[in-house]
Protein backbone atom coordinates (compact mmCIF):
# COMPACT_ATOMS: atom_id res chain seq x y z
CA MET A 1 -25.66 -26.70 -13.68
CA LEU A 2 -25.47 -23.23 -16.29
CA ARG A 3 -25.79 -21.06 -12.91
CA ILE A 4 -23.52 -23.32 -11.51
CA ILE A 5 -20.93 -22.78 -14.96
CA LEU A 6 -21.75 -18.89 -14.25
CA PHE A 7 -20.54 -18.68 -11.07
CA CYS A 8 -17.64 -20.76 -11.32
CA THR A 9 -16.94 -18.63 -14.66
CA LEU A 10 -17.52 -15.15 -12.50
CA ILE A 11 -15.32 -16.34 -9.94
CA THR A 12 -12.25 -17.20 -12.47
CA LEU A 13 -12.48 -14.05 -14.28
CA LEU A 14 -12.59 -11.74 -11.36
CA THR A 15 -9.57 -13.62 -9.62
CA ALA A 16 -7.98 -13.34 -12.99
CA CYS A 17 -8.64 -9.26 -13.06
CA GLY A 18 -6.54 -9.38 -9.42
CA PHE A 19 -9.67 -8.80 -7.75
CA HIS A 20 -9.55 -9.90 -3.97
CA LEU A 21 -11.68 -9.44 -1.07
CA GLN A 22 -9.89 -7.21 1.54
CA GLY A 23 -11.05 -7.71 5.06
CA GLU A 24 -9.91 -7.79 8.20
CA MET A 25 -6.46 -8.41 8.83
CA PRO A 26 -4.72 -9.72 11.90
CA LEU A 27 -2.60 -6.72 13.14
CA ALA A 28 0.20 -7.10 16.46
CA GLN A 29 -1.97 -5.42 19.48
CA PRO A 30 0.41 -2.18 19.52
CA LEU A 31 -0.94 -1.70 16.26
CA HIS A 32 -4.77 -1.21 17.29
CA ARG A 33 -4.28 2.17 18.72
CA LEU A 34 -2.66 3.80 15.40
CA TYR A 35 -1.64 7.30 14.54
CA LEU A 36 -1.00 7.82 10.59
CA GLU A 37 1.76 10.32 9.78
CA THR A 38 2.25 11.29 5.86
CA ALA A 39 2.99 14.02 3.61
CA ASP A 40 -0.03 13.69 1.58
CA PRO A 41 -2.96 13.12 4.24
CA TYR A 42 -6.02 13.14 1.65
CA GLY A 43 -4.43 11.06 -0.85
CA PRO A 44 -5.44 7.69 -2.12
CA LEU A 45 -2.61 5.87 -0.25
CA THR A 46 -4.03 7.69 3.03
CA HIS A 47 -6.99 6.91 2.27
CA SER A 48 -6.48 3.06 1.30
CA LEU A 49 -4.70 2.60 4.37
CA GLU A 50 -7.36 4.62 6.65
CA GLN A 51 -9.94 1.81 5.06
CA SER A 52 -7.78 -1.01 6.21
CA LEU A 53 -7.15 -0.14 8.93
CA ARG A 54 -10.26 0.56 9.89
CA LEU A 55 -11.39 -2.95 8.82
CA SER A 56 -8.50 -4.46 10.58
CA LYS A 57 -10.00 -2.93 14.22
CA VAL A 58 -7.46 -0.42 14.41
CA GLN A 59 -8.33 3.37 15.91
CA LEU A 60 -6.91 5.65 14.22
CA VAL A 61 -5.91 9.00 16.41
CA ASP A 62 -5.37 12.56 15.05
CA SER A 63 -2.03 13.24 16.83
CA PRO A 64 0.44 10.93 17.95
CA GLU A 65 0.89 12.12 21.23
CA LYS A 66 -2.67 9.45 21.87
CA ALA A 67 -0.95 6.71 19.52
CA ASP A 68 0.51 3.75 21.06
CA THR A 69 2.45 3.23 17.76
CA ILE A 70 2.64 6.10 14.43
CA LEU A 71 2.70 4.37 10.71
CA HIS A 72 5.07 7.57 9.04
CA ILE A 73 4.70 7.30 5.40
CA LEU A 74 8.95 8.40 5.26
CA GLN A 75 8.53 8.59 0.81
CA ASP A 76 6.15 8.30 -1.81
CA SER A 77 7.49 8.63 -5.06
CA THR A 78 6.50 8.30 -8.68
CA SER A 79 8.79 7.89 -11.65
CA GLN A 80 8.39 7.42 -15.68
CA GLN A 81 10.67 5.67 -17.64
CA LEU A 82 10.82 5.58 -21.46
CA LEU A 83 11.16 1.80 -22.38
CA ALA A 84 10.78 1.89 -26.06
CA PRO A 85 9.74 4.72 -28.28
CA ASN A 86 8.66 3.36 -32.06
CA GLY A 87 11.12 4.52 -35.22
CA THR A 88 8.49 7.50 -36.15
CA LEU A 89 8.04 8.23 -32.66
CA GLN A 90 3.76 7.14 -32.90
CA THR A 91 4.39 4.92 -29.80
CA ARG A 92 5.72 5.38 -26.75
CA GLN A 93 6.33 2.58 -23.66
CA TYR A 94 6.79 3.73 -20.42
CA ASN A 95 7.13 2.12 -17.09
CA LEU A 96 5.16 4.12 -14.18
CA THR A 97 6.88 3.02 -10.49
CA VAL A 98 5.09 4.35 -7.02
CA THR A 99 7.74 3.59 -4.45
CA ILE A 100 6.86 3.91 -0.81
CA VAL A 101 8.85 4.25 1.96
CA PHE A 102 7.24 3.07 5.39
CA GLU A 103 8.31 2.55 8.93
CA VAL A 104 6.65 2.18 12.44
CA THR A 105 7.53 3.71 15.50
CA ASP A 106 5.96 3.99 19.51
CA ASN A 107 4.80 7.19 20.33
CA LYS A 108 8.30 7.68 22.32
CA SER A 109 9.57 7.57 18.69
CA ARG A 110 11.38 4.31 19.13
CA ILE A 111 11.84 2.44 15.62
CA LEU A 112 9.76 -0.88 16.10
CA VAL A 113 9.81 -1.36 12.30
CA PRO A 114 12.83 0.01 10.55
CA PRO A 115 12.39 1.63 6.86
CA GLN A 116 10.69 -0.88 4.61
CA THR A 117 10.57 -0.12 0.49
CA LEU A 118 8.17 -1.48 -1.35
CA THR A 119 7.46 -0.21 -4.94
CA GLU A 120 4.59 -1.21 -7.56
CA THR A 121 5.80 -0.70 -11.43
CA ARG A 122 3.29 -1.07 -14.39
CA PRO A 123 3.83 -0.86 -18.40
CA ILE A 124 2.00 2.00 -20.39
CA THR A 125 2.22 2.72 -23.83
CA ILE A 126 0.85 5.94 -25.31
CA GLN A 127 -0.16 6.94 -28.43
CA SER A 128 1.11 10.20 -29.67
CA ASN A 129 -2.44 11.61 -31.02
CA GLN A 130 -3.07 10.62 -26.94
CA VAL A 131 -1.04 12.86 -25.09
CA LEU A 132 -3.66 15.02 -23.54
CA GLY A 133 -6.07 12.33 -22.40
CA SER A 134 -2.49 10.40 -21.76
CA SER A 135 -1.81 12.21 -18.57
CA ASN A 136 -5.39 11.39 -16.99
CA GLU A 137 -4.55 7.52 -17.62
CA VAL A 138 -1.46 7.65 -15.66
CA ASN A 139 -2.47 9.35 -12.74
CA ILE A 140 -5.48 6.51 -12.20
CA TYR A 141 -2.66 4.03 -12.75
CA TYR A 142 -0.81 6.05 -9.85
CA GLN A 143 -3.69 6.44 -7.98
CA GLN A 144 -4.38 2.20 -8.89
CA MET A 145 -1.12 1.47 -7.57
CA ARG A 146 -1.08 3.56 -4.05
CA ARG A 147 -4.54 1.55 -3.46
CA GLU A 148 -2.12 -1.89 -4.24
CA LEU A 149 0.89 -0.19 -2.11
CA ALA A 150 -1.65 0.01 0.73
CA TYR A 151 -2.88 -3.58 0.65
CA ALA A 152 0.83 -4.44 0.50
CA ILE A 153 2.02 -2.25 3.64
CA MET A 154 -1.15 -3.97 5.55
CA ASN A 155 -0.27 -7.19 4.62
CA ARG A 156 4.13 -6.69 5.53
CA LEU A 157 2.09 -5.26 8.32
CA ALA A 158 0.45 -8.43 9.25
CA SER A 159 3.25 -10.72 8.58
CA GLN A 160 4.83 -13.18 11.37
CA GLU A 161 7.86 -11.51 11.14
CA LEU A 162 6.48 -7.57 11.74
CA THR A 163 4.36 -8.98 14.74
CA LYS A 164 7.26 -10.55 16.60
CA LEU A 165 9.08 -7.49 15.45
CA ILE A 166 6.97 -5.18 16.85
CA ASN A 167 5.82 -6.97 19.88
CA HIS A 168 9.17 -7.94 21.15
CA LYS A 169 10.67 -4.36 21.21
CA GLN A 170 6.99 -2.65 22.37
CA PHE A 171 6.87 -5.43 25.41
CA PRO A 172 10.72 -6.79 25.68
CA GLN A 173 11.18 -9.84 27.24
CA LYS A 174 12.43 -9.70 30.92
CA ASN A 175 15.79 -11.73 32.46
CA THR A 176 14.65 -13.49 34.86
CA SER A 177 18.31 -14.60 35.76
């Protein structure tokens, strides 16, 4: 009985912290041979996307000419907004934001999925005596946020709406009348 209670507690803790298994996502057939175009090919967003795509049995090719579809990361930007400094400026609270814009085209540059914007925002509090350490903490937050956005891109690509859109534009229905 104690093992069951510990197991249930562990599962509850994992789900409460945002942990979720990231496995294979069913993607539209045209996405199974894909080129990933990004300005930062070695960054955390690209790395997370490549991992998720491979888990979904997507063949990532090394040039747009070899691909059936191209996933373009059009924008990957960050921003910080000061929310609430206290009266003595000892503590500052910021909102960190990462914005990703992506689109999917075929290998002839026809747009299959128009630009989609995804944003992730997190608050962070910085003490005045932690300014040097806070830049590292901010970078870690940005990396985590990009991983979350990579997962959000995969969710969007696997959605029924985009699957229908991609399949319809890639393989248009012919009029038989």
